[in-house]
N, C-alpha and C. Protein backbone atom coordinates (compact mmCIF):
# COMPACT_ATOMS: atom_id res chain seq x y z
N MET A 1 7.24 3.65 14.31
CA MET A 1 7.42 2.53 13.34
C MET A 1 8.62 1.69 13.55
N LYS A 2 8.58 0.63 14.05
CA LYS A 2 9.83 -0.40 14.23
C LYS A 2 10.04 -1.55 13.16
N SER A 3 8.94 -2.04 12.60
CA SER A 3 9.02 -2.94 11.69
C SER A 3 8.93 -2.95 10.40
N ALA A 4 8.63 -1.66 9.82
CA ALA A 4 8.66 -1.20 8.31
C ALA A 4 9.78 -0.70 7.93
N PHE A 5 10.12 -1.59 6.60
CA PHE A 5 11.41 -1.20 5.92
C PHE A 5 11.27 -1.48 4.76
N LEU A 6 11.88 -0.71 3.75
CA LEU A 6 12.07 -1.22 2.23
C LEU A 6 13.06 -2.15 1.89
N MET A 7 12.87 -3.04 1.08
CA MET A 7 13.98 -4.25 0.63
C MET A 7 15.32 -3.67 0.31
N ASN A 8 15.36 -2.52 -0.06
CA ASN A 8 16.66 -1.88 -0.38
C ASN A 8 17.32 -0.89 0.78
N SER A 9 16.63 -1.08 2.09
CA SER A 9 17.06 -0.50 3.14
C SER A 9 18.34 -1.23 3.69
N ALA A 10 18.85 -0.68 4.70
CA ALA A 10 19.96 -1.24 5.61
C ALA A 10 19.73 -2.30 6.24
N PHE A 11 18.25 -2.23 6.74
CA PHE A 11 17.59 -3.17 7.54
C PHE A 11 17.28 -4.47 6.89
N GLN A 12 18.20 -5.41 7.35
CA GLN A 12 17.76 -6.85 6.20
C GLN A 12 17.46 -8.06 7.43
N GLU A 13 16.93 -7.60 8.48
CA GLU A 13 16.49 -8.83 9.51
C GLU A 13 15.32 -9.07 9.04
N PHE A 14 15.22 -10.69 8.43
CA PHE A 14 14.16 -11.13 7.81
C PHE A 14 13.56 -12.27 9.00
N SER A 15 14.02 -12.40 10.08
CA SER A 15 13.99 -13.63 10.71
C SER A 15 12.48 -13.58 11.33
N ASN A 16 11.84 -12.19 11.41
CA ASN A 16 10.29 -12.52 11.98
C ASN A 16 9.36 -12.29 10.54
N LEU A 17 9.88 -12.63 9.60
CA LEU A 17 8.86 -12.62 8.38
C LEU A 17 8.75 -13.93 7.77
N ILE A 18 7.48 -14.00 7.64
CA ILE A 18 6.84 -15.46 6.80
C ILE A 18 7.32 -15.54 5.45
N PRO A 19 7.39 -16.50 4.99
CA PRO A 19 7.60 -16.87 3.61
C PRO A 19 6.52 -16.03 2.56
N THR A 20 6.74 -15.47 1.44
CA THR A 20 5.76 -14.72 0.80
C THR A 20 5.49 -15.59 -0.47
N ALA A 21 6.07 -16.90 -0.60
CA ALA A 21 5.66 -17.38 -1.90
C ALA A 21 5.76 -19.28 -1.53
N GLN A 22 5.09 -19.87 -2.28
CA GLN A 22 5.42 -21.45 -1.90
C GLN A 22 6.70 -22.03 -2.06
N LYS A 23 7.63 -21.36 -2.89
CA LYS A 23 8.92 -21.51 -3.10
C LYS A 23 9.70 -20.96 -1.90
N GLY A 24 9.38 -20.36 -0.82
CA GLY A 24 9.73 -20.12 0.38
C GLY A 24 10.48 -18.67 0.29
N ILE A 25 10.01 -17.67 -0.64
CA ILE A 25 10.76 -16.25 -0.56
C ILE A 25 10.48 -15.67 0.68
N ILE A 26 11.52 -15.20 1.20
CA ILE A 26 11.43 -14.35 2.39
C ILE A 26 12.17 -13.01 2.02
N GLY A 27 11.18 -11.91 2.38
CA GLY A 27 12.09 -10.64 2.17
C GLY A 27 12.17 -10.28 0.69
N GLY A 28 11.34 -11.00 -0.26
CA GLY A 28 11.64 -10.87 -1.73
C GLY A 28 10.53 -10.06 -2.34
N VAL A 29 10.77 -9.64 -3.68
CA VAL A 29 9.79 -9.03 -4.17
C VAL A 29 9.02 -9.83 -5.28
N HIS A 30 7.80 -9.64 -5.38
CA HIS A 30 7.18 -10.50 -6.31
C HIS A 30 6.63 -9.81 -7.52
N ASP A 31 6.44 -8.70 -7.61
CA ASP A 31 6.31 -7.61 -8.62
C ASP A 31 7.20 -8.02 -9.79
N PRO A 32 6.49 -8.35 -11.03
CA PRO A 32 7.27 -8.71 -12.08
C PRO A 32 8.21 -7.53 -12.68
N ILE A 33 7.38 -6.26 -12.79
CA ILE A 33 8.04 -4.99 -12.83
C ILE A 33 9.35 -4.71 -12.32
N ALA A 34 8.79 -4.88 -11.11
CA ALA A 34 9.88 -4.28 -10.02
C ALA A 34 11.29 -5.15 -10.30
N ASN A 35 11.05 -6.56 -10.33
CA ASN A 35 11.90 -7.63 -10.81
C ASN A 35 13.01 -7.02 -12.10
N ILE A 36 12.04 -6.64 -13.07
CA ILE A 36 13.01 -6.39 -14.17
C ILE A 36 13.54 -4.90 -13.76
N MET A 37 13.32 -3.96 -13.18
CA MET A 37 14.09 -3.12 -12.72
C MET A 37 15.10 -3.36 -11.82
N GLY A 38 15.16 -4.26 -11.26
CA GLY A 38 16.13 -4.74 -10.29
C GLY A 38 15.59 -4.66 -8.93
N ALA A 39 14.70 -5.15 -8.89
CA ALA A 39 13.80 -5.41 -7.36
C ALA A 39 14.22 -4.18 -6.34
N THR A 40 15.44 -4.10 -5.98
CA THR A 40 15.72 -2.83 -4.90
C THR A 40 15.61 -1.65 -5.38
N ASN A 41 15.35 -1.47 -6.57
CA ASN A 41 15.41 0.01 -7.28
C ASN A 41 13.88 0.39 -7.81
N ALA A 42 13.03 -0.38 -7.31
CA ALA A 42 11.69 -0.03 -7.58
C ALA A 42 10.97 0.75 -6.48
N GLY A 43 10.50 1.81 -6.50
CA GLY A 43 10.02 2.58 -5.46
C GLY A 43 8.43 2.08 -5.03
N HIS A 44 7.77 1.21 -5.95
CA HIS A 44 6.37 0.97 -5.66
C HIS A 44 6.38 -0.74 -5.14
N ALA A 45 7.64 -1.21 -5.02
CA ALA A 45 7.65 -2.54 -4.44
C ALA A 45 8.67 -2.72 -3.26
N GLY A 46 8.30 -3.68 -2.79
CA GLY A 46 9.48 -4.16 -1.59
C GLY A 46 9.21 -3.46 -0.28
N LEU A 47 8.16 -2.92 0.17
CA LEU A 47 7.80 -2.38 1.62
C LEU A 47 7.31 -3.51 2.31
N PHE A 48 7.98 -3.64 3.54
CA PHE A 48 7.54 -4.61 4.44
C PHE A 48 7.28 -4.04 5.71
N SER A 49 6.07 -4.93 6.50
CA SER A 49 5.54 -4.22 7.49
C SER A 49 4.81 -5.13 8.29
N ASN A 50 4.10 -4.70 9.47
CA ASN A 50 3.17 -5.32 10.08
C ASN A 50 1.97 -4.25 10.49
N LEU A 51 0.91 -5.17 10.81
CA LEU A 51 -0.14 -4.23 11.29
C LEU A 51 -0.30 -3.00 12.07
N ASN A 52 0.66 -3.41 13.24
CA ASN A 52 0.95 -2.42 14.41
C ASN A 52 1.56 -1.02 13.79
N ASP A 53 2.63 -1.34 12.96
CA ASP A 53 3.17 0.00 12.08
C ASP A 53 2.40 0.54 10.92
N LEU A 54 1.41 -0.28 10.43
CA LEU A 54 0.71 0.30 9.44
C LEU A 54 -0.49 1.16 9.88
N LYS A 55 -0.86 0.73 11.09
CA LYS A 55 -1.84 1.54 11.97
C LYS A 55 -1.21 3.12 12.32
N LYS A 56 -0.03 2.96 12.71
CA LYS A 56 0.87 4.32 12.89
C LYS A 56 0.72 5.28 11.58
N PHE A 57 1.11 4.48 10.41
CA PHE A 57 1.01 4.82 9.21
C PHE A 57 -0.05 5.59 8.76
N VAL A 58 -1.37 4.93 8.79
CA VAL A 58 -2.68 5.48 8.71
C VAL A 58 -3.07 6.84 9.58
N ASP A 59 -2.52 6.60 10.80
CA ASP A 59 -2.96 7.74 11.79
C ASP A 59 -2.24 9.00 11.02
N TYR A 60 -0.90 8.80 10.85
CA TYR A 60 -0.02 10.03 10.42
C TYR A 60 -1.08 10.48 9.29
N TRP A 61 -1.52 9.73 8.17
CA TRP A 61 -1.91 10.33 6.86
C TRP A 61 -3.38 10.89 7.05
N ILE A 62 -3.92 10.42 8.23
CA ILE A 62 -5.56 10.60 8.27
C ILE A 62 -5.79 11.84 9.35
N GLY A 63 -4.53 12.21 9.69
CA GLY A 63 -4.46 13.44 10.58
C GLY A 63 -4.52 13.12 12.17
N ASN A 64 -4.64 11.97 12.50
CA ASN A 64 -4.33 11.94 14.03
C ASN A 64 -3.18 12.01 14.54
N ASN A 65 -3.57 12.99 15.55
CA ASN A 65 -2.32 13.57 16.20
C ASN A 65 -1.44 12.78 17.16
N ASN A 66 -1.84 11.56 17.37
CA ASN A 66 -1.26 10.84 18.24
C ASN A 66 -0.42 9.67 17.47
N SER A 67 -0.39 10.21 16.31
CA SER A 67 0.56 9.30 15.35
C SER A 67 2.15 9.38 16.01
N GLU A 68 2.62 7.89 16.02
CA GLU A 68 4.11 7.73 16.45
C GLU A 68 4.88 7.15 15.41
N VAL A 69 4.70 7.84 14.17
CA VAL A 69 5.71 7.89 13.20
C VAL A 69 7.07 8.08 13.14
N THR A 70 8.00 7.57 12.94
CA THR A 70 9.56 8.27 12.89
C THR A 70 9.73 9.29 11.69
N PHE A 71 8.94 9.47 10.71
CA PHE A 71 9.40 10.60 9.65
C PHE A 71 8.28 11.50 9.66
N THR A 72 8.52 12.45 8.96
CA THR A 72 7.38 13.68 8.74
C THR A 72 7.51 14.09 7.37
N LEU A 73 6.66 14.54 6.73
CA LEU A 73 6.55 15.21 5.53
C LEU A 73 6.17 16.61 5.61
N SER A 74 6.55 17.35 4.62
CA SER A 74 6.29 19.05 4.86
C SER A 74 4.59 18.98 4.24
N ASP A 75 3.88 19.80 4.82
CA ASP A 75 2.67 19.98 4.08
C ASP A 75 2.69 19.86 2.63
N GLU A 76 3.55 20.60 2.16
CA GLU A 76 3.97 20.69 0.59
C GLU A 76 3.69 19.44 -0.04
N MET A 77 4.35 18.34 0.88
CA MET A 77 4.78 17.07 0.16
C MET A 77 3.40 16.18 0.35
N LYS A 78 2.92 16.43 1.48
CA LYS A 78 1.56 15.82 1.65
C LYS A 78 0.52 16.02 0.81
N ASN A 79 0.56 17.50 0.50
CA ASN A 79 -0.49 17.78 -0.49
C ASN A 79 -0.30 17.33 -1.91
N ARG A 80 1.17 17.36 -2.22
CA ARG A 80 1.42 16.73 -3.58
C ARG A 80 1.09 15.37 -3.70
N ALA A 81 1.22 14.66 -2.69
CA ALA A 81 0.99 13.35 -2.73
C ALA A 81 -0.51 12.94 -2.77
N THR A 82 -1.44 13.70 -2.34
CA THR A 82 -3.01 13.65 -2.27
C THR A 82 -3.66 14.46 -3.25
N GLN A 83 -3.18 15.01 -4.26
CA GLN A 83 -3.52 15.92 -5.34
C GLN A 83 -3.37 15.37 -6.59
N VAL A 84 -4.16 15.31 -7.38
CA VAL A 84 -3.58 15.04 -8.96
C VAL A 84 -2.66 15.54 -9.31
N ALA A 85 -1.62 14.93 -9.72
CA ALA A 85 -0.43 15.69 -10.38
C ALA A 85 -0.86 16.16 -11.51
N ALA A 86 -0.03 17.28 -12.06
CA ALA A 86 -0.31 18.01 -13.45
C ALA A 86 0.10 17.08 -14.48
N ASP A 87 0.89 16.32 -14.40
CA ASP A 87 1.13 15.57 -15.71
C ASP A 87 0.51 13.99 -15.36
N ALA A 88 -0.45 13.89 -14.63
CA ALA A 88 -1.14 12.80 -14.62
C ALA A 88 -1.93 12.38 -15.76
N SER A 89 -1.97 11.19 -16.50
CA SER A 89 -2.89 10.78 -17.47
C SER A 89 -4.22 11.01 -17.13
N PRO A 90 -5.21 11.68 -18.16
CA PRO A 90 -6.36 12.02 -17.91
C PRO A 90 -7.49 11.06 -17.19
N LYS A 91 -7.01 9.62 -17.65
CA LYS A 91 -7.50 8.41 -17.17
C LYS A 91 -7.27 7.96 -15.67
N GLU A 92 -6.13 8.49 -15.27
CA GLU A 92 -5.79 8.01 -14.09
C GLU A 92 -5.42 9.53 -13.13
N ASN A 93 -6.08 9.15 -11.95
CA ASN A 93 -6.09 10.36 -11.08
C ASN A 93 -4.86 9.59 -10.08
N ARG A 94 -3.66 10.37 -10.04
CA ARG A 94 -2.54 9.73 -9.53
C ARG A 94 -2.04 11.27 -8.80
N GLY A 95 -1.44 11.06 -7.82
CA GLY A 95 -0.63 11.90 -6.99
C GLY A 95 0.94 11.51 -6.80
N LEU A 96 1.55 11.99 -6.04
CA LEU A 96 2.75 11.81 -5.83
C LEU A 96 2.92 10.33 -4.96
N GLY A 97 2.86 9.23 -5.49
CA GLY A 97 2.87 7.87 -4.75
C GLY A 97 1.58 7.31 -4.49
N TRP A 98 0.47 8.07 -4.70
CA TRP A 98 -0.70 7.44 -4.27
C TRP A 98 -1.68 7.65 -5.47
N GLU A 99 -2.60 6.37 -5.66
CA GLU A 99 -3.80 6.68 -6.65
C GLU A 99 -4.83 7.50 -5.87
N LEU A 100 -5.81 8.41 -6.43
CA LEU A 100 -6.51 9.31 -5.89
C LEU A 100 -7.80 9.11 -6.40
N ASN A 101 -8.99 9.32 -5.29
CA ASN A 101 -10.38 9.84 -5.70
C ASN A 101 -11.12 8.38 -6.03
N LYS A 102 -10.40 7.13 -5.89
CA LYS A 102 -11.32 5.87 -6.24
C LYS A 102 -12.43 5.53 -5.30
N PHE A 103 -12.39 5.94 -4.16
CA PHE A 103 -13.65 5.55 -3.46
C PHE A 103 -14.37 6.87 -2.65
N GLY A 104 -14.01 7.95 -3.26
CA GLY A 104 -14.50 9.43 -2.85
C GLY A 104 -13.47 10.42 -3.08
N GLU A 105 -14.10 11.56 -3.28
CA GLU A 105 -13.31 12.82 -3.42
C GLU A 105 -11.84 13.00 -3.02
N LYS A 106 -11.94 12.51 -1.77
CA LYS A 106 -10.67 12.93 -0.98
C LYS A 106 -9.66 11.49 -0.99
N SER A 107 -10.09 10.38 -1.24
CA SER A 107 -9.67 9.06 -1.18
C SER A 107 -8.23 9.07 -1.63
N PHE A 108 -7.41 8.16 -1.12
CA PHE A 108 -6.14 8.00 -1.78
C PHE A 108 -5.69 6.47 -1.31
N GLY A 109 -4.70 5.76 -2.20
CA GLY A 109 -4.24 4.66 -1.53
C GLY A 109 -3.23 4.00 -2.64
N HIS A 110 -3.13 2.65 -2.35
CA HIS A 110 -2.35 1.88 -3.32
C HIS A 110 -2.72 0.38 -3.03
N ASN A 111 -2.53 -0.06 -4.32
CA ASN A 111 -2.89 -1.82 -4.38
C ASN A 111 -1.39 -2.03 -4.50
N GLY A 112 -1.11 -3.22 -3.98
CA GLY A 112 0.17 -3.98 -4.01
C GLY A 112 0.02 -5.20 -5.00
N TYR A 113 1.08 -5.56 -5.75
CA TYR A 113 0.89 -6.52 -6.69
C TYR A 113 0.62 -8.05 -5.93
N THR A 114 1.12 -8.32 -4.80
CA THR A 114 0.55 -9.66 -4.03
C THR A 114 -1.01 -9.49 -3.65
N GLY A 115 -1.36 -8.56 -3.60
CA GLY A 115 -2.91 -8.54 -3.18
C GLY A 115 -3.02 -7.40 -1.89
N THR A 116 -1.72 -7.18 -1.34
CA THR A 116 -1.90 -6.07 -0.35
C THR A 116 -2.59 -4.77 -0.64
N SER A 117 -3.18 -4.16 0.19
CA SER A 117 -3.88 -3.03 -0.03
C SER A 117 -4.30 -1.68 1.19
N ILE A 118 -3.66 -0.53 1.07
CA ILE A 118 -4.16 0.45 1.75
C ILE A 118 -4.66 1.59 1.20
N TRP A 119 -6.15 1.89 1.75
CA TRP A 119 -6.59 2.97 1.25
C TRP A 119 -7.28 3.93 2.60
N PHE A 120 -7.23 5.31 2.33
CA PHE A 120 -7.50 6.26 3.12
C PHE A 120 -8.67 7.17 2.60
N GLU A 121 -9.76 7.15 3.36
CA GLU A 121 -10.61 8.28 3.37
C GLU A 121 -10.61 9.38 4.49
N PRO A 122 -9.67 10.37 4.31
CA PRO A 122 -9.41 11.29 5.60
C PRO A 122 -10.65 11.89 6.12
N THR A 123 -11.59 12.44 4.87
CA THR A 123 -12.92 12.95 5.52
C THR A 123 -13.70 12.39 6.48
N GLN A 124 -13.55 10.80 6.63
CA GLN A 124 -14.17 10.37 7.50
C GLN A 124 -13.25 9.65 8.45
N LYS A 125 -11.87 9.84 8.46
CA LYS A 125 -10.84 9.46 9.13
C LYS A 125 -11.09 7.83 9.30
N THR A 126 -11.07 7.25 7.94
CA THR A 126 -11.09 5.60 7.78
C THR A 126 -10.06 5.48 6.88
N ALA A 127 -9.56 4.46 7.22
CA ALA A 127 -8.61 3.70 6.25
C ALA A 127 -8.88 2.08 6.18
N VAL A 128 -8.52 1.39 5.05
CA VAL A 128 -8.87 -0.18 5.21
C VAL A 128 -7.40 -0.71 4.61
N ILE A 129 -7.09 -1.52 5.43
CA ILE A 129 -5.77 -2.14 5.33
C ILE A 129 -5.84 -3.69 5.18
N ILE A 130 -5.34 -4.08 3.81
CA ILE A 130 -5.51 -5.54 3.36
C ILE A 130 -4.23 -6.04 3.36
N LEU A 131 -3.85 -7.26 4.30
CA LEU A 131 -2.72 -7.86 4.10
C LEU A 131 -2.91 -9.28 3.68
N SER A 132 -2.27 -9.66 2.51
CA SER A 132 -2.77 -10.52 1.81
C SER A 132 -1.66 -11.30 0.90
N ASN A 133 -1.91 -12.34 0.48
CA ASN A 133 -0.92 -12.84 -0.76
C ASN A 133 -1.49 -13.83 -1.31
N ARG A 134 -1.61 -13.66 -2.65
CA ARG A 134 -2.53 -13.95 -3.72
C ARG A 134 -1.46 -14.86 -4.31
N THR A 135 0.01 -14.84 -4.09
CA THR A 135 0.95 -15.67 -4.85
C THR A 135 0.90 -16.97 -4.55
N TYR A 136 0.11 -17.16 -3.34
CA TYR A 136 0.39 -18.65 -2.76
C TYR A 136 -0.73 -19.80 -3.71
N ALA A 137 -1.90 -19.07 -3.97
CA ALA A 137 -2.79 -20.19 -4.54
C ALA A 137 -3.54 -19.69 -5.84
N LYS A 138 -2.81 -18.49 -6.50
CA LYS A 138 -3.35 -18.13 -7.62
C LYS A 138 -3.03 -19.11 -8.84
N PRO A 139 -4.29 -19.51 -9.50
CA PRO A 139 -3.88 -20.29 -10.96
C PRO A 139 -3.19 -19.56 -11.92
N ALA A 140 -2.17 -20.45 -12.46
CA ALA A 140 -1.45 -19.55 -13.64
C ALA A 140 -2.44 -19.20 -14.90
N ALA A 141 -3.52 -19.89 -15.34
CA ALA A 141 -4.32 -19.41 -15.85
C ALA A 141 -5.52 -18.62 -15.47
N GLU A 142 -5.36 -17.94 -14.60
CA GLU A 142 -6.68 -17.29 -13.76
C GLU A 142 -6.71 -15.92 -14.74
N THR A 143 -7.73 -15.54 -15.25
CA THR A 143 -8.15 -14.27 -15.99
C THR A 143 -8.86 -13.25 -15.02
N PHE A 144 -9.45 -13.69 -14.19
CA PHE A 144 -10.40 -12.72 -13.12
C PHE A 144 -9.56 -12.99 -11.60
N ASP A 145 -9.26 -11.76 -11.16
CA ASP A 145 -8.54 -11.84 -9.69
C ASP A 145 -9.81 -11.51 -8.96
N PRO A 146 -10.35 -12.32 -7.97
CA PRO A 146 -11.40 -11.82 -7.09
C PRO A 146 -10.77 -11.05 -6.00
N LEU A 147 -9.35 -10.98 -5.66
CA LEU A 147 -9.09 -10.16 -4.74
C LEU A 147 -9.27 -8.59 -5.18
N THR A 148 -9.20 -8.27 -6.32
CA THR A 148 -9.81 -6.84 -6.99
C THR A 148 -10.82 -6.35 -6.54
N LEU A 149 -12.12 -7.41 -6.49
CA LEU A 149 -13.33 -7.26 -6.21
C LEU A 149 -13.49 -7.22 -4.49
N LEU A 150 -12.45 -7.93 -3.79
CA LEU A 150 -12.81 -7.88 -2.41
C LEU A 150 -12.10 -6.66 -2.02
N ARG A 151 -10.96 -6.15 -2.32
CA ARG A 151 -10.64 -4.75 -2.03
C ARG A 151 -11.45 -3.88 -2.07
N ALA A 152 -12.47 -3.69 -3.33
CA ALA A 152 -13.23 -2.52 -3.25
C ALA A 152 -14.21 -2.86 -2.47
N GLN A 153 -14.94 -3.92 -2.06
CA GLN A 153 -16.05 -4.16 -1.24
C GLN A 153 -15.67 -4.02 0.06
N MET A 154 -14.49 -4.45 0.68
CA MET A 154 -14.00 -4.00 1.76
C MET A 154 -13.99 -2.42 2.11
N MET A 155 -13.63 -1.60 1.35
CA MET A 155 -13.66 -0.36 1.46
C MET A 155 -14.87 0.39 1.28
N ASP A 156 -15.74 -0.25 0.33
CA ASP A 156 -17.05 0.21 0.57
C ASP A 156 -18.02 0.08 1.91
N ILE A 157 -17.68 -1.31 2.33
CA ILE A 157 -17.97 -1.65 3.62
C ILE A 157 -17.65 -0.55 4.80
N ALA A 158 -16.31 -0.12 4.86
CA ALA A 158 -15.88 0.53 5.81
C ALA A 158 -16.66 1.78 5.72
N LEU A 159 -16.58 2.43 4.42
CA LEU A 159 -17.07 3.90 4.21
C LEU A 159 -18.51 3.88 4.56
N SER A 160 -19.40 2.74 4.66
CA SER A 160 -20.89 2.93 4.76
C SER A 160 -21.03 2.42 6.36
N ALA A 161 -20.04 2.29 7.21
CA ALA A 161 -20.25 1.99 8.42
C ALA A 161 -20.59 3.37 9.28
N PRO A 162 -21.38 3.01 10.19
CA PRO A 162 -21.98 4.30 11.05
C PRO A 162 -20.80 5.03 11.82
C-alpha cells in the first residue's frame, strides 16, 4: 500500500489528490465532528487512498493470502475489530473500528461522511468499495441522502451475485 495515508501522518504529498469540495479543499477532512476534534486527531476521518491500495486492504481483511499490505494486526486485534465490543450500545453492533453485521452475520465495514464506504462479507470473500463525494452536489436543505440507500443496494447486489 503506497498511496494510503492518514491526514495526520508524516506523508503530506497532496499533488496526486483531487479537490474534495467545490471550495478546492485538497487533503482536508469534511466531517464536522472531526473538525470539532481538530481534524488531525479524529481516528474516524482523514484517511486518503486510491482503489489499488483499497483492494490490497480488502484482500488482507477477507483473508486473501496474496495481500500486499504494509502492516499486520495480531489475530486478537482482528478478532476484536470484527466482533461486537462488550461495551457497545445494544442498538449498535460495533467492534474496534468497524460497524458489524449490517449485511450478514459476519459483515463489517465503515461509511464515511463524504459518502465513501467499505464493507466486507468475509464468508463470501466479498467486499464493496464506494469512492464518492457527496459534498459537491448536496443541497443545504436536503433531508434524505440518496447515497445511504445506494450504499445498501450496492452491497445487496454484490452479495447476491453468483
